[in-house]
């Protein structure tokens, strides 16, 4: 008793997404989308499944309750949202030296949505869904600095640099 999953996958702007991975969660069944954004997963046992679509640079999407019926094709479409990025450097205000290991947080309504630490050159990258965020940088021995209400857009970078004061 087997069935099939088939559908097209694109992004929130109706762009076709090639080489996106579609998995049947909890199983070894998966497929990549082709040049038209279509995928086929065959020989799936009868049952109800959650499925996840993923592609680097996009948010993952999971759909639950996808029912496989014997001899029938189940259609599951996905629409992924392209991520944007905050990028920048954290630097000592007086010496202009990069601050390695500084924490950079992206917040919405006071809740941390994304977080990272700077590398040895003070650089950081945080990938997030499009929206408006407060971005803060902190490091041991320095005063925390926050840049408020900073927008990011899908597929683009928003530069936010920080110059921290010793505190």
Foldseek 3Di string as FASTA:
>chain_A
DWFKEKEFEEAPVPHGDFQKKKDFPPDPWIFTAHPRRMTMTIRHDFDWTKMWIDDPQWDIDIDGGQGGDPPYYTYDYYYIAGKFKEKEFEAAQPPRAGDFFKKKFWDDPRHTPWIDTAHNRRIDMTIDGWDWTKMWIDDPQWDIDIDGGHTTHGPYYDYDYHHTYGD
